[in-house]
Amino acid sequence: MCQACIGSWKRTDNIPKGVPNAIFTSYNRNFRGRNDGNPDTMNFLASPEIVTAMSYAGSTSFNPITDSIITPSGASFRFSPPTGAELPEHGFESGNPDFLPTSAAPSPTTQVVVSPTSDRLALLEPFAPFPSSDLKGLRVLYKVTGKCTTDTISAAGPWLKYKGHLPNISANTLIGAINSATGEVNVAYDVDGSTSGIPELAQKWKDQGLEWLVVAEDNYGEGSAREHAALQPRYLGGRVILAKSFARIHETNLKKQGVVPLTFAEGADYTKIDACDEVSTVGLYDMLKAGGNGEVSVLVKKAKTGEELTLKTHHTFSPDQCGFIIAGSALNLLAKMNRG
């Protein structure tokens, strides 16, 4: 359960964003900005009992075992150690039978109706299948430096109301990513030097029919298993993520959405590729058709000099995952198999 960890807590203590402060919480996340959306809120995890005691005391140095609180009447109050049953004494209730799953088989003739004016729901259109060749003429949308979590790629908080509307939630894609060349956050440069937000440039290139890739450092996609962090780049035209290493779950999620995760064979090659460079894959299509057997490299054409260089990469594709990419996504492949 996400609880307040998704950044949806609406604070009422008038602490503006950007002001350093500290909170204690018994919720299950203490990632930066994940409680109140303020990256300067330092979040300390504690038990519900400790959080409750400190809330009454109004002090982070309060020790409920040894310290007392002076009540409005002037009396001294000390908390008693909490007690309670770990589990229900007579077991759990069986629950409401109306909530149990039914045995009715789904019907493909059932129409899913979504209002065309809804900004929170939109039907998911199938992604295009992989071409019958290697990927040619990709362009580096962004070169990320430092940590790039799933929250960096697909921010939580107020954006979560758009989880059912891929076009709308894609407007937050990579908005927390740091530009390796400038140190700016969510500032992308087009080939003509013009600047925009990352999702805006991705949408612009998508409208121009230009597919792209992202270059990143270590453990790309760490954090929560947020499927939208793979869905959104795919929707906006992303075809490859080239990183020093990947978080395992996110790497799998990318493959399920038809995005190819590749790692540098030599980590130092990260310095040889930059935003707006043109990239083509070499050996990728043959590897996919061979069920994961074969090597893949990328041919990089430097945007500023026209110089070409080849960078070796590694991959972790299984035969099933190759099928996901070729079909365009795991859902595409399952639908095809269901149709026979």
Protein backbone atom coordinates (compact mmCIF):
# COMPACT_ATOMS: atom_id res chain seq x y z
CA MET A 1 0.00 0.00 0.00
CA CYS A 2 1.46 3.36 -1.02
CA GLN A 3 -0.03 5.39 1.85
CA ALA A 4 1.66 8.80 2.09
CA CYS A 5 4.85 7.62 0.42
CA ILE A 6 3.65 8.86 -2.98
CA GLY A 7 3.96 12.51 -2.07
CA SER A 8 0.23 13.22 -1.77
CA TRP A 9 0.23 14.52 1.83
CA LYS A 10 -1.25 17.99 1.92
CA ARG A 11 0.49 19.69 4.82
CA THR A 12 -1.35 22.24 6.93
CA ASP A 13 1.59 23.62 8.93
CA ASN A 14 2.52 26.25 6.34
CA ILE A 15 5.95 24.83 5.51
CA PRO A 16 6.60 26.02 1.92
CA LYS A 17 8.52 23.93 -0.57
CA GLY A 18 12.24 24.61 -0.50
CA VAL A 19 12.40 25.20 3.26
CA PRO A 20 14.50 22.57 5.09
CA ASN A 21 12.53 20.79 7.81
CA ALA A 22 12.29 17.40 9.51
CA ILE A 23 9.37 15.06 10.15
CA PHE A 24 8.86 11.70 11.83
CA THR A 25 6.57 9.21 10.15
CA SER A 26 5.58 5.57 10.52
CA TYR A 27 4.84 5.26 6.80
CA ASN A 28 7.02 2.99 4.73
CA ARG A 29 9.11 5.38 2.64
CA ASN A 30 11.70 8.00 3.38
CA PHE A 31 12.83 8.78 -0.16
CA ARG A 32 13.46 12.43 -0.87
CA GLY A 33 10.24 14.34 -1.53
CA ARG A 34 8.02 11.30 -1.16
CA ASN A 35 5.83 12.47 1.74
CA ASP A 36 4.91 16.07 1.04
CA GLY A 37 6.52 16.65 -2.34
CA ASN A 38 9.17 18.88 -0.72
CA PRO A 39 12.70 17.64 -1.52
CA ASP A 40 14.01 19.54 1.51
CA THR A 41 11.86 17.61 4.00
CA MET A 42 14.05 15.19 5.97
CA ASN A 43 11.92 12.17 6.79
CA PHE A 44 12.79 9.88 9.71
CA LEU A 45 11.04 6.54 10.03
CA ALA A 46 9.84 5.42 13.47
CA SER A 47 7.22 3.18 15.04
CA PRO A 48 3.63 4.45 15.32
CA GLU A 49 4.09 4.63 19.11
CA ILE A 50 7.18 6.86 18.88
CA VAL A 51 5.57 9.11 16.26
CA THR A 52 2.46 9.52 18.42
CA ALA A 53 4.49 10.33 21.54
CA MET A 54 6.61 12.92 19.74
CA SER A 55 3.49 14.49 18.23
CA TYR A 56 2.10 15.09 21.72
CA ALA A 57 5.44 16.28 23.07
CA GLY A 58 6.22 18.55 20.14
CA SER A 59 9.89 17.73 20.41
CA THR A 60 12.24 15.38 18.55
CA SER A 61 14.36 14.93 21.68
CA PHE A 62 11.44 13.60 23.74
CA ASN A 63 11.99 10.14 25.22
CA PRO A 64 8.61 8.58 26.15
CA ILE A 65 10.31 6.05 28.43
CA THR A 66 11.92 8.62 30.74
CA ASP A 67 10.39 12.04 29.94
CA SER A 68 7.10 13.61 31.00
CA ILE A 69 4.76 16.13 29.40
CA ILE A 70 3.28 19.05 31.32
CA THR A 71 -0.45 19.16 30.62
CA PRO A 72 -2.50 22.41 30.35
CA SER A 73 -3.51 21.97 34.01
CA GLY A 74 0.14 21.91 35.06
CA ALA A 75 0.14 18.20 35.92
CA SER A 76 2.91 15.89 34.78
CA PHE A 77 2.01 13.10 32.35
CA ARG A 78 4.08 10.14 31.28
CA PHE A 79 3.16 7.59 28.64
CA SER A 80 2.71 3.96 29.63
CA PRO A 81 4.41 1.35 27.46
CA PRO A 82 1.96 0.24 24.75
CA THR A 83 0.31 -3.15 24.97
CA GLY A 84 -1.93 -5.07 22.61
CA ALA A 85 -2.54 -8.27 20.73
CA GLU A 86 -0.28 -9.01 17.78
CA LEU A 87 -3.10 -10.93 16.06
CA PRO A 88 -6.89 -11.17 16.59
CA GLU A 89 -7.60 -13.47 19.52
CA HIS A 90 -10.35 -15.32 17.67
CA GLY A 91 -8.82 -15.18 14.21
CA PHE A 92 -9.82 -13.10 11.19
CA GLU A 93 -13.36 -12.76 9.89
CA SER A 94 -14.07 -14.61 6.67
CA GLY A 95 -15.10 -11.39 4.94
CA ASN A 96 -17.96 -10.33 2.72
CA PRO A 97 -18.65 -13.05 0.12
CA ASP A 98 -19.76 -10.37 -2.38
CA PHE A 99 -16.12 -9.34 -2.68
CA LEU A 100 -14.88 -12.82 -3.63
CA PRO A 101 -13.87 -13.37 -7.28
CA THR A 102 -16.43 -14.93 -9.58
CA SER A 103 -15.83 -17.76 -12.03
CA ALA A 104 -17.33 -15.91 -14.98
CA ALA A 105 -15.03 -15.89 -18.01
CA PRO A 106 -14.25 -12.48 -19.55
CA SER A 107 -15.90 -11.80 -22.89
CA PRO A 108 -13.88 -10.18 -25.70
CA THR A 109 -17.12 -8.67 -26.98
CA THR A 110 -17.51 -6.51 -23.89
CA GLN A 111 -16.93 -2.89 -24.86
CA VAL A 112 -14.92 -0.67 -22.54
CA VAL A 113 -16.42 2.81 -22.72
CA VAL A 114 -14.29 5.79 -21.68
CA SER A 115 -15.45 9.37 -21.98
CA PRO A 116 -13.47 11.16 -24.71
CA THR A 117 -13.33 14.25 -22.49
CA SER A 118 -11.87 12.44 -19.47
CA ASP A 119 -8.48 13.71 -18.33
CA ARG A 120 -7.96 10.75 -15.98
CA LEU A 121 -8.82 7.75 -18.18
CA ALA A 122 -7.79 6.92 -21.74
CA LEU A 123 -7.75 3.65 -23.65
CA LEU A 124 -4.28 2.22 -24.12
CA GLU A 125 -3.47 1.81 -27.79
CA PRO A 126 -1.09 -1.04 -28.75
CA PHE A 127 2.53 -0.03 -29.33
CA ALA A 128 4.00 -0.60 -32.77
CA PRO A 129 5.94 -3.85 -33.25
CA PHE A 130 9.71 -3.87 -33.72
CA PRO A 131 10.82 -3.21 -37.31
CA SER A 132 12.31 -6.01 -39.39
CA SER A 133 15.75 -4.48 -39.06
CA ASP A 134 18.01 -2.75 -36.58
CA LEU A 135 16.98 0.62 -35.18
CA LYS A 136 18.35 3.46 -37.30
CA GLY A 137 18.64 7.18 -36.69
CA LEU A 138 17.72 7.28 -33.03
CA ARG A 139 18.65 10.50 -31.26
CA VAL A 140 19.84 10.91 -27.67
CA LEU A 141 17.02 12.78 -25.94
CA TYR A 142 18.88 13.26 -22.66
CA LYS A 143 22.06 12.20 -20.96
CA VAL A 144 21.32 11.74 -17.27
CA THR A 145 23.93 12.11 -14.56
CA GLY A 146 23.64 10.72 -11.05
CA LYS A 147 20.76 8.82 -9.53
CA CYS A 148 17.75 8.23 -11.80
CA THR A 149 14.99 6.49 -9.86
CA THR A 150 11.53 5.50 -11.04
CA ASP A 151 10.36 8.63 -9.20
CA THR A 152 12.78 10.66 -11.32
CA ILE A 153 11.34 9.07 -14.46
CA SER A 154 7.66 9.17 -13.42
CA ALA A 155 7.01 11.52 -10.52
CA ALA A 156 4.34 10.65 -7.96
CA GLY A 157 2.28 13.09 -5.90
CA PRO A 158 -0.45 14.96 -7.82
CA TRP A 159 0.53 13.20 -11.05
CA LEU A 160 -0.95 9.92 -9.83
CA LYS A 161 -4.47 11.06 -10.70
CA TYR A 162 -3.40 10.54 -14.32
CA LYS A 163 -2.27 6.91 -13.92
CA GLY A 164 -5.17 5.82 -16.11
CA HIS A 165 -4.38 8.42 -18.80
CA LEU A 166 -1.02 7.68 -20.40
CA PRO A 167 -0.86 10.83 -22.58
CA ASN A 168 -1.42 13.08 -19.56
CA ILE A 169 0.90 11.35 -17.09
CA SER A 170 3.61 11.23 -19.77
CA ALA A 171 3.92 14.99 -19.35
CA ASN A 172 6.01 14.28 -16.22
CA THR A 173 8.52 11.95 -17.91
CA LEU A 174 12.04 12.37 -16.52
CA ILE A 175 11.25 15.78 -15.03
CA GLY A 176 13.56 15.00 -12.09
CA ALA A 177 16.55 14.01 -14.26
CA ILE A 178 19.81 15.99 -14.10
CA ASN A 179 21.44 17.05 -17.38
CA SER A 180 24.99 15.67 -17.41
CA ALA A 181 26.30 18.55 -19.52
CA THR A 182 24.84 21.47 -17.57
CA GLY A 183 23.69 20.20 -14.18
CA GLU A 184 20.20 21.52 -14.90
CA VAL A 185 17.10 19.56 -13.93
CA ASN A 186 14.51 18.89 -16.64
CA VAL A 187 16.21 21.13 -19.20
CA ALA A 188 16.70 19.43 -22.57
CA TYR A 189 18.52 20.86 -25.59
CA ASP A 190 17.39 20.26 -29.17
CA VAL A 191 19.89 20.08 -32.04
CA ASP A 192 19.39 23.78 -32.76
CA GLY A 193 20.28 24.73 -29.18
CA SER A 194 16.72 25.56 -28.13
CA THR A 195 15.67 24.41 -24.69
CA SER A 196 12.54 22.86 -23.25
CA GLY A 197 11.44 20.39 -20.62
CA ILE A 198 12.36 16.77 -21.29
CA PRO A 199 8.78 15.54 -21.93
CA GLU A 200 8.14 18.51 -24.20
CA LEU A 201 11.16 17.68 -26.36
CA ALA A 202 10.20 13.99 -26.39
CA GLN A 203 6.69 14.88 -27.56
CA LYS A 204 8.11 17.23 -30.21
CA TRP A 205 10.35 14.51 -31.59
CA LYS A 206 7.51 12.01 -31.47
CA ASP A 207 5.36 14.37 -33.53
CA GLN A 208 8.24 14.59 -36.02
CA GLY A 209 8.44 10.79 -36.22
CA LEU A 210 11.84 10.76 -34.53
CA GLU A 211 12.51 7.94 -32.06
CA TRP A 212 15.02 8.39 -29.28
CA LEU A 213 17.08 6.91 -26.46
CA VAL A 214 18.24 7.97 -23.01
CA VAL A 215 21.81 7.61 -21.72
CA ALA A 216 22.24 7.11 -17.98
CA GLU A 217 24.61 6.00 -15.24
CA ASP A 218 24.35 3.29 -12.57
CA ASN A 219 21.25 1.51 -11.27
CA TYR A 220 18.89 3.27 -13.66
CA GLY A 221 15.27 2.80 -12.51
CA GLU A 222 15.95 2.03 -8.85
CA GLY A 223 13.13 2.53 -6.35
CA SER A 224 9.53 1.41 -6.50
CA ALA A 225 8.37 -0.95 -9.26
CA ARG A 226 6.51 1.78 -11.12
CA GLU A 227 5.33 0.46 -14.49
CA HIS A 228 4.67 3.98 -15.76
CA ALA A 229 8.41 4.66 -15.64
CA ALA A 230 8.65 2.23 -18.58
CA LEU A 231 5.27 3.00 -20.19
CA GLN A 232 5.81 6.75 -20.48
CA PRO A 233 9.14 6.73 -22.37
CA ARG A 234 7.70 4.09 -24.72
CA TYR A 235 4.60 6.18 -25.37
CA LEU A 236 6.72 9.25 -26.17
CA GLY A 237 8.91 7.41 -28.67
CA GLY A 238 11.71 6.00 -26.53
CA ARG A 239 13.18 2.79 -27.94
CA VAL A 240 16.45 2.25 -26.03
CA ILE A 241 17.85 3.04 -22.58
CA LEU A 242 21.65 2.83 -22.58
CA ALA A 243 23.04 2.84 -19.04
CA LYS A 244 25.99 1.71 -16.96
CA SER A 245 23.63 -0.62 -15.07
CA PHE A 246 19.94 -1.15 -14.32
CA ALA A 247 17.76 -1.86 -11.34
CA ARG A 248 16.56 -5.40 -12.02
CA ILE A 249 12.80 -4.87 -11.81
CA HIS A 250 12.83 -1.75 -13.95
CA GLU A 251 14.98 -3.46 -16.56
CA THR A 252 12.30 -6.15 -16.84
CA ASN A 253 9.52 -3.56 -16.99
CA LEU A 254 11.25 -1.82 -19.90
CA LYS A 255 11.36 -5.06 -21.85
CA LYS A 256 7.67 -5.68 -21.19
CA GLN A 257 6.82 -2.32 -22.77
CA GLY A 258 9.04 -2.85 -25.80
CA VAL A 259 11.93 -0.64 -24.67
CA VAL A 260 15.42 -2.12 -25.14
CA PRO A 261 17.71 -1.83 -22.06
CA LEU A 262 21.41 -2.03 -22.93
CA THR A 263 24.45 -1.54 -20.70
CA PHE A 264 27.85 -0.20 -21.68
CA ALA A 265 30.40 -2.99 -22.03
CA GLU A 266 32.89 -0.43 -20.74
CA GLY A 267 31.51 2.03 -18.20
CA ALA A 268 33.93 4.72 -19.41
CA ASP A 269 32.10 4.77 -22.77
CA TYR A 270 29.39 6.79 -21.01
CA THR A 271 31.63 9.83 -21.62
CA LYS A 272 31.73 9.21 -25.39
CA ILE A 273 28.05 9.84 -26.12
CA ASP A 274 26.06 13.04 -25.64
CA ALA A 275 22.61 14.55 -26.06
CA CYS A 276 21.46 14.88 -29.68
CA ASP A 277 24.01 12.34 -30.97
CA GLU A 278 22.56 10.02 -33.61
CA VAL A 279 22.54 6.33 -32.71
CA SER A 280 21.85 3.13 -34.63
CA THR A 281 21.92 -0.39 -33.23
CA VAL A 282 24.11 -3.11 -34.70
CA GLY A 283 23.16 -6.75 -34.16
CA LEU A 284 20.04 -6.00 -32.12
CA TYR A 285 17.53 -7.40 -34.59
CA ASP A 286 19.53 -10.58 -35.14
CA MET A 287 19.89 -11.05 -31.38
CA LEU A 288 16.14 -10.67 -30.85
CA LYS A 289 15.34 -13.15 -33.62
CA ALA A 290 17.85 -15.59 -32.10
CA GLY A 291 16.11 -15.52 -28.73
CA GLY A 292 18.77 -13.53 -26.91
CA ASN A 293 21.86 -15.06 -28.51
CA GLY A 294 24.31 -12.61 -30.02
CA GLU A 295 26.11 -9.40 -29.31
CA VAL A 296 24.75 -5.87 -29.70
CA SER A 297 26.64 -2.63 -30.24
CA VAL A 298 25.63 0.91 -31.04
CA LEU A 299 26.97 3.11 -33.82
CA VAL A 300 27.18 6.71 -32.59
CA LYS A 301 27.39 9.71 -34.90
CA LYS A 302 28.44 12.79 -32.94
CA ALA A 303 26.06 15.70 -33.40
CA LYS A 304 28.75 18.37 -33.20
CA THR A 305 31.56 16.81 -35.26
CA GLY A 306 29.98 14.09 -37.40
CA GLU A 307 32.55 11.64 -36.02
CA GLU A 308 31.36 8.01 -35.89
CA LEU A 309 32.31 5.48 -33.24
CA THR A 310 31.09 2.05 -32.22
CA LEU A 311 30.35 1.22 -28.57
CA LYS A 312 29.96 -2.36 -27.39
CA THR A 313 27.05 -3.16 -25.10
CA HIS A 314 25.71 -6.00 -22.98
CA HIS A 315 22.15 -7.27 -22.62
CA THR A 316 20.20 -9.77 -20.49
CA PHE A 317 17.43 -10.83 -22.88
CA SER A 318 15.70 -14.19 -22.48
CA PRO A 319 13.77 -15.79 -25.37
CA ASP A 320 10.44 -14.66 -23.89
CA GLN A 321 11.68 -11.09 -23.49
CA CYS A 322 12.88 -11.04 -27.07
CA GLY A 323 9.30 -11.90 -28.02
CA PHE A 324 8.06 -8.88 -26.06
CA ILE A 325 10.32 -6.52 -27.99
CA ILE A 326 9.54 -7.99 -31.40
CA ALA A 327 5.78 -7.85 -30.78
CA GLY A 328 6.02 -4.28 -29.46
CA SER A 329 5.18 -5.15 -25.84
CA ALA A 330 4.29 -8.08 -23.62
CA LEU A 331 0.59 -7.20 -23.94
CA ASN A 332 0.88 -7.27 -27.73
CA LEU A 333 2.45 -10.72 -27.59
CA LEU A 334 -0.19 -12.07 -25.19
CA ALA A 335 -2.99 -10.69 -27.36
CA LYS A 336 -1.45 -12.30 -30.43
CA MET A 337 -1.12 -15.64 -28.65
CA ASN A 338 -4.73 -15.42 -27.45
CA ARG A 339 -5.94 -14.83 -30.99
CA GLY A 340 -4.03 -17.90 -32.11
